[in-house]
Amino acid sequence: MTNIDISSEITFKTARSGGKGGQNVNKVETMVEGRWSLPDSSLLSDTQKKLLLQKLGGKLTKDQVLLVKSQTERTQLGNKGLVIQKMNAIIKQALVRKKSRIATQPTKASRQHRLAGKKIQSYKKQLRARPEID
């Protein structure tokens, strides 16, 4: 699977964030929100877009835009880098196809082991029954 870097298509918006920083938090817009529009993307094929729409349905807005926020770093640049990393990771993970399971048959030994266990259990229950009086 090829690595897709969507950083060129992300639009960023900043705001004041809470958390560490003291007086700096009240002055500087360090929280970064990244927006990436799935239908407008030119980096993905139609099949990849359908797959992403299917897998990221709950994470997309009604306009099919992926939103990711970061406000953990004290700098806007640091938060911007985290947003890009998070978005690329989400998309990379969603584009990975699950391996299909190959159905297998139980082995002869496992079937015999299962039947032997059933016979033992049956014998235990027979011993619990009331004895027959002639």
C-alpha atoms as a PDB file:
ATOM      1  CA  MET A   1       0.000   0.000   0.000  1.00  0.00           C
ATOM      2  CA  THR A   2       1.382   3.393  -0.913  1.00  0.00           C
ATOM      3  CA  ASN A   3       1.788   6.085   1.694  1.00  0.00           C
ATOM      4  CA  ILE A   4      -0.539   8.995   0.988  1.00  0.00           C
ATOM      5  CA  ASP A   5       0.420  12.369   2.466  1.00  0.00           C
ATOM      6  CA  ILE A   6      -2.619  14.649   2.545  1.00  0.00           C
ATOM      7  CA  SER A   7      -0.841  17.586   4.219  1.00  0.00           C
ATOM      8  CA  SER A   8      -1.109  19.676   1.032  1.00  0.00           C
ATOM      9  CA  GLU A   9      -4.919  19.398   1.066  1.00  0.00           C
ATOM     10  CA  ILE A  10      -5.507  20.180   4.754  1.00  0.00           C
ATOM     11  CA  THR A  11      -6.847  23.603   5.673  1.00  0.00           C
ATOM     12  CA  PHE A  12      -5.948  24.840   9.125  1.00  0.00           C
ATOM     13  CA  LYS A  13      -7.809  27.035  11.572  1.00  0.00           C
ATOM     14  CA  THR A  14      -6.382  28.295  14.857  1.00  0.00           C
ATOM     15  CA  ALA A  15      -7.962  29.310  18.146  1.00  0.00           C
ATOM     16  CA  ARG A  16      -6.969  29.942  21.728  1.00  0.00           C
ATOM     17  CA  SER A  17      -6.552  26.773  23.685  1.00  0.00           C
ATOM     18  CA  GLY A  18      -6.555  25.881  27.347  1.00  0.00           C
ATOM     19  CA  GLY A  19      -3.977  23.870  29.199  1.00  0.00           C
ATOM     20  CA  LYS A  20      -0.302  24.572  29.878  1.00  0.00           C
ATOM     21  CA  GLY A  21       1.181  27.928  29.063  1.00  0.00           C
ATOM     22  CA  GLY A  22       0.196  30.386  31.777  1.00  0.00           C
ATOM     23  CA  GLN A  23      -0.424  33.903  30.468  1.00  0.00           C
ATOM     24  CA  ASN A  24       0.758  32.772  27.039  1.00  0.00           C
ATOM     25  CA  VAL A  25      -2.479  30.774  26.627  1.00  0.00           C
ATOM     26  CA  ASN A  26      -4.554  33.940  26.911  1.00  0.00           C
ATOM     27  CA  LYS A  27      -2.616  35.747  24.169  1.00  0.00           C
ATOM     28  CA  VAL A  28      -1.626  33.195  21.542  1.00  0.00           C
ATOM     29  CA  GLU A  29      -3.783  30.996  19.314  1.00  0.00           C
ATOM     30  CA  THR A  30      -2.037  27.644  19.734  1.00  0.00           C
ATOM     31  CA  MET A  31      -4.942  25.222  19.218  1.00  0.00           C
ATOM     32  CA  VAL A  32      -4.987  23.977  15.621  1.00  0.00           C
ATOM     33  CA  GLU A  33      -7.957  22.402  13.851  1.00  0.00           C
ATOM     34  CA  GLY A  34      -7.327  20.635  10.553  1.00  0.00           C
ATOM     35  CA  ARG A  35     -10.028  20.085   7.939  1.00  0.00           C
ATOM     36  CA  TRP A  36      -9.720  17.727   4.976  1.00  0.00           C
ATOM     37  CA  SER A  37     -12.509  17.349   2.434  1.00  0.00           C
ATOM     38  CA  LEU A  38     -12.817  13.782   1.182  1.00  0.00           C
ATOM     39  CA  PRO A  39     -14.812  14.470  -2.019  1.00  0.00           C
ATOM     40  CA  ASP A  40     -12.506  17.340  -3.085  1.00  0.00           C
ATOM     41  CA  SER A  41      -9.312  15.304  -2.690  1.00  0.00           C
ATOM     42  CA  SER A  42      -7.247  14.858  -5.846  1.00  0.00           C
ATOM     43  CA  LEU A  43      -4.788  12.445  -4.195  1.00  0.00           C
ATOM     44  CA  LEU A  44      -7.220   9.534  -3.950  1.00  0.00           C
ATOM     45  CA  SER A  45      -8.956   7.368  -6.528  1.00  0.00           C
ATOM     46  CA  ASP A  46     -12.723   6.862  -6.519  1.00  0.00           C
ATOM     47  CA  THR A  47     -12.389   3.381  -5.007  1.00  0.00           C
ATOM     48  CA  GLN A  48     -10.199   4.727  -2.195  1.00  0.00           C
ATOM     49  CA  LYS A  49     -12.731   7.512  -1.550  1.00  0.00           C
ATOM     50  CA  LYS A  50     -15.569   4.974  -1.315  1.00  0.00           C
ATOM     51  CA  LEU A  51     -13.523   2.836   1.067  1.00  0.00           C
ATOM     52  CA  LEU A  52     -12.687   5.842   3.263  1.00  0.00           C
ATOM     53  CA  LEU A  53     -16.307   6.992   3.252  1.00  0.00           C
ATOM     54  CA  GLN A  54     -17.332   3.535   4.414  1.00  0.00           C
ATOM     55  CA  LYS A  55     -14.679   3.176   7.132  1.00  0.00           C
ATOM     56  CA  LEU A  56     -14.587   6.776   8.397  1.00  0.00           C
ATOM     57  CA  GLY A  57     -18.341   7.351   8.333  1.00  0.00           C
ATOM     58  CA  GLY A  58     -18.522   8.231  12.035  1.00  0.00           C
ATOM     59  CA  LYS A  59     -15.517  10.545  11.942  1.00  0.00           C
ATOM     60  CA  LEU A  60     -16.686  12.631   8.992  1.00  0.00           C
ATOM     61  CA  THR A  61     -19.061  15.590   9.130  1.00  0.00           C
ATOM     62  CA  LYS A  62     -22.219  15.637   7.016  1.00  0.00           C
ATOM     63  CA  ASP A  63     -20.205  17.446   4.326  1.00  0.00           C
ATOM     64  CA  GLN A  64     -17.713  14.524   4.345  1.00  0.00           C
ATOM     65  CA  VAL A  65     -14.962  16.573   5.966  1.00  0.00           C
ATOM     66  CA  LEU A  66     -12.486  14.994   8.390  1.00  0.00           C
ATOM     67  CA  LEU A  67     -11.835  17.213  11.444  1.00  0.00           C
ATOM     68  CA  VAL A  68      -8.865  16.758  13.757  1.00  0.00           C
ATOM     69  CA  LYS A  69      -7.885  19.090  16.626  1.00  0.00           C
ATOM     70  CA  SER A  70      -4.719  19.363  18.643  1.00  0.00           C
ATOM     71  CA  GLN A  71      -3.955  21.591  21.599  1.00  0.00           C
ATOM     72  CA  THR A  72      -1.421  19.564  23.560  1.00  0.00           C
ATOM     73  CA  GLU A  73       1.688  21.448  22.426  1.00  0.00           C
ATOM     74  CA  ARG A  74       2.568  24.971  23.529  1.00  0.00           C
ATOM     75  CA  THR A  75       3.260  26.129  19.989  1.00  0.00           C
ATOM     76  CA  GLN A  76       1.027  26.428  16.960  1.00  0.00           C
ATOM     77  CA  LEU A  77       3.647  24.743  14.785  1.00  0.00           C
ATOM     78  CA  GLY A  78       3.840  21.743  17.116  1.00  0.00           C
ATOM     79  CA  ASN A  79       0.059  21.332  17.116  1.00  0.00           C
ATOM     80  CA  LYS A  80      -0.033  21.687  13.335  1.00  0.00           C
ATOM     81  CA  GLY A  81       2.475  18.842  13.011  1.00  0.00           C
ATOM     82  CA  LEU A  82       0.391  16.663  15.336  1.00  0.00           C
ATOM     83  CA  VAL A  83      -2.765  17.331  13.298  1.00  0.00           C
ATOM     84  CA  ILE A  84      -0.984  16.282  10.102  1.00  0.00           C
ATOM     85  CA  GLN A  85       0.372  13.123  11.773  1.00  0.00           C
ATOM     86  CA  LYS A  86      -3.044  12.181  13.183  1.00  0.00           C
ATOM     87  CA  MET A  87      -4.848  12.693   9.870  1.00  0.00           C
ATOM     88  CA  ASN A  88      -2.290  10.735   7.863  1.00  0.00           C
ATOM     89  CA  ALA A  89      -2.443   7.900  10.426  1.00  0.00           C
ATOM     90  CA  ILE A  90      -6.261   7.798  10.302  1.00  0.00           C
ATOM     91  CA  ILE A  91      -6.298   7.636   6.509  1.00  0.00           C
ATOM     92  CA  LYS A  92      -3.464   5.107   6.298  1.00  0.00           C
ATOM     93  CA  GLN A  93      -5.222   2.830   8.776  1.00  0.00           C
ATOM     94  CA  ALA A  94      -8.565   3.139   6.968  1.00  0.00           C
ATOM     95  CA  LEU A  95      -7.032   2.270   3.587  1.00  0.00           C
ATOM     96  CA  VAL A  96      -5.572  -1.018   4.839  1.00  0.00           C
ATOM     97  CA  ARG A  97      -7.764  -3.867   3.664  1.00  0.00           C
ATOM     98  CA  LYS A  98      -8.551  -6.655   6.103  1.00  0.00           C
ATOM     99  CA  LYS A  99      -7.287 -10.084   5.154  1.00  0.00           C
ATOM    100  CA  SER A 100     -10.155 -12.425   4.412  1.00  0.00           C
ATOM    101  CA  ARG A 101     -10.410 -15.420   6.699  1.00  0.00           C
ATOM    102  CA  ILE A 102      -9.860 -18.813   5.125  1.00  0.00           C
ATOM    103  CA  ALA A 103     -12.295 -21.304   6.614  1.00  0.00           C
ATOM    104  CA  THR A 104     -10.659 -24.510   7.820  1.00  0.00           C
ATOM    105  CA  GLN A 105     -11.999 -27.911   8.794  1.00  0.00           C
ATOM    106  CA  PRO A 106     -11.289 -29.420  12.217  1.00  0.00           C
ATOM    107  CA  THR A 107      -8.578 -32.078  12.150  1.00  0.00           C
ATOM    108  CA  LYS A 108      -9.343 -35.747  12.686  1.00  0.00           C
ATOM    109  CA  ALA A 109      -7.497 -35.725  16.018  1.00  0.00           C
ATOM    110  CA  SER A 110      -9.481 -32.704  17.287  1.00  0.00           C
ATOM    111  CA  ARG A 111     -12.772 -34.402  16.317  1.00  0.00           C
ATOM    112  CA  GLN A 112     -11.741 -37.573  18.171  1.00  0.00           C
ATOM    113  CA  HIS A 113     -10.684 -35.526  21.214  1.00  0.00           C
ATOM    114  CA  ARG A 114     -14.057 -33.737  21.243  1.00  0.00           C
ATOM    115  CA  LEU A 115     -15.996 -36.997  21.004  1.00  0.00           C
ATOM    116  CA  ALA A 116     -13.891 -38.580  23.762  1.00  0.00           C
ATOM    117  CA  GLY A 117     -14.698 -35.631  26.031  1.00  0.00           C
ATOM    118  CA  LYS A 118     -18.403 -36.032  25.281  1.00  0.00           C
ATOM    119  CA  LYS A 119     -18.241 -39.735  26.170  1.00  0.00           C
ATOM    120  CA  ILE A 120     -16.553 -38.969  29.494  1.00  0.00           C
ATOM    121  CA  GLN A 121     -19.193 -36.352  30.313  1.00  0.00           C
ATOM    122  CA  SER A 122     -21.972 -38.802  29.361  1.00  0.00           C
ATOM    123  CA  TYR A 123     -20.460 -41.483  31.607  1.00  0.00           C
ATOM    124  CA  LYS A 124     -20.285 -39.032  34.559  1.00  0.00           C
ATOM    125  CA  LYS A 125     -23.966 -38.226  34.141  1.00  0.00           C
ATOM    126  CA  GLN A 126     -24.895 -41.908  33.943  1.00  0.00           C
ATOM    127  CA  LEU A 127     -23.182 -42.461  37.315  1.00  0.00           C
ATOM    128  CA  ARG A 128     -25.332 -39.694  38.846  1.00  0.00           C
ATOM    129  CA  ALA A 129     -28.603 -41.441  37.866  1.00  0.00           C
ATOM    130  CA  ARG A 130     -30.577 -43.458  40.392  1.00  0.00           C
ATOM    131  CA  PRO A 131     -29.720 -47.119  40.416  1.00  0.00           C
ATOM    132  CA  GLU A 132     -32.274 -49.436  38.876  1.00  0.00           C
ATOM    133  CA  ILE A 133     -33.987 -51.803  41.343  1.00  0.00           C
ATOM    134  CA  ASP A 134     -35.009 -55.223  39.987  1.00  0.00           C
END
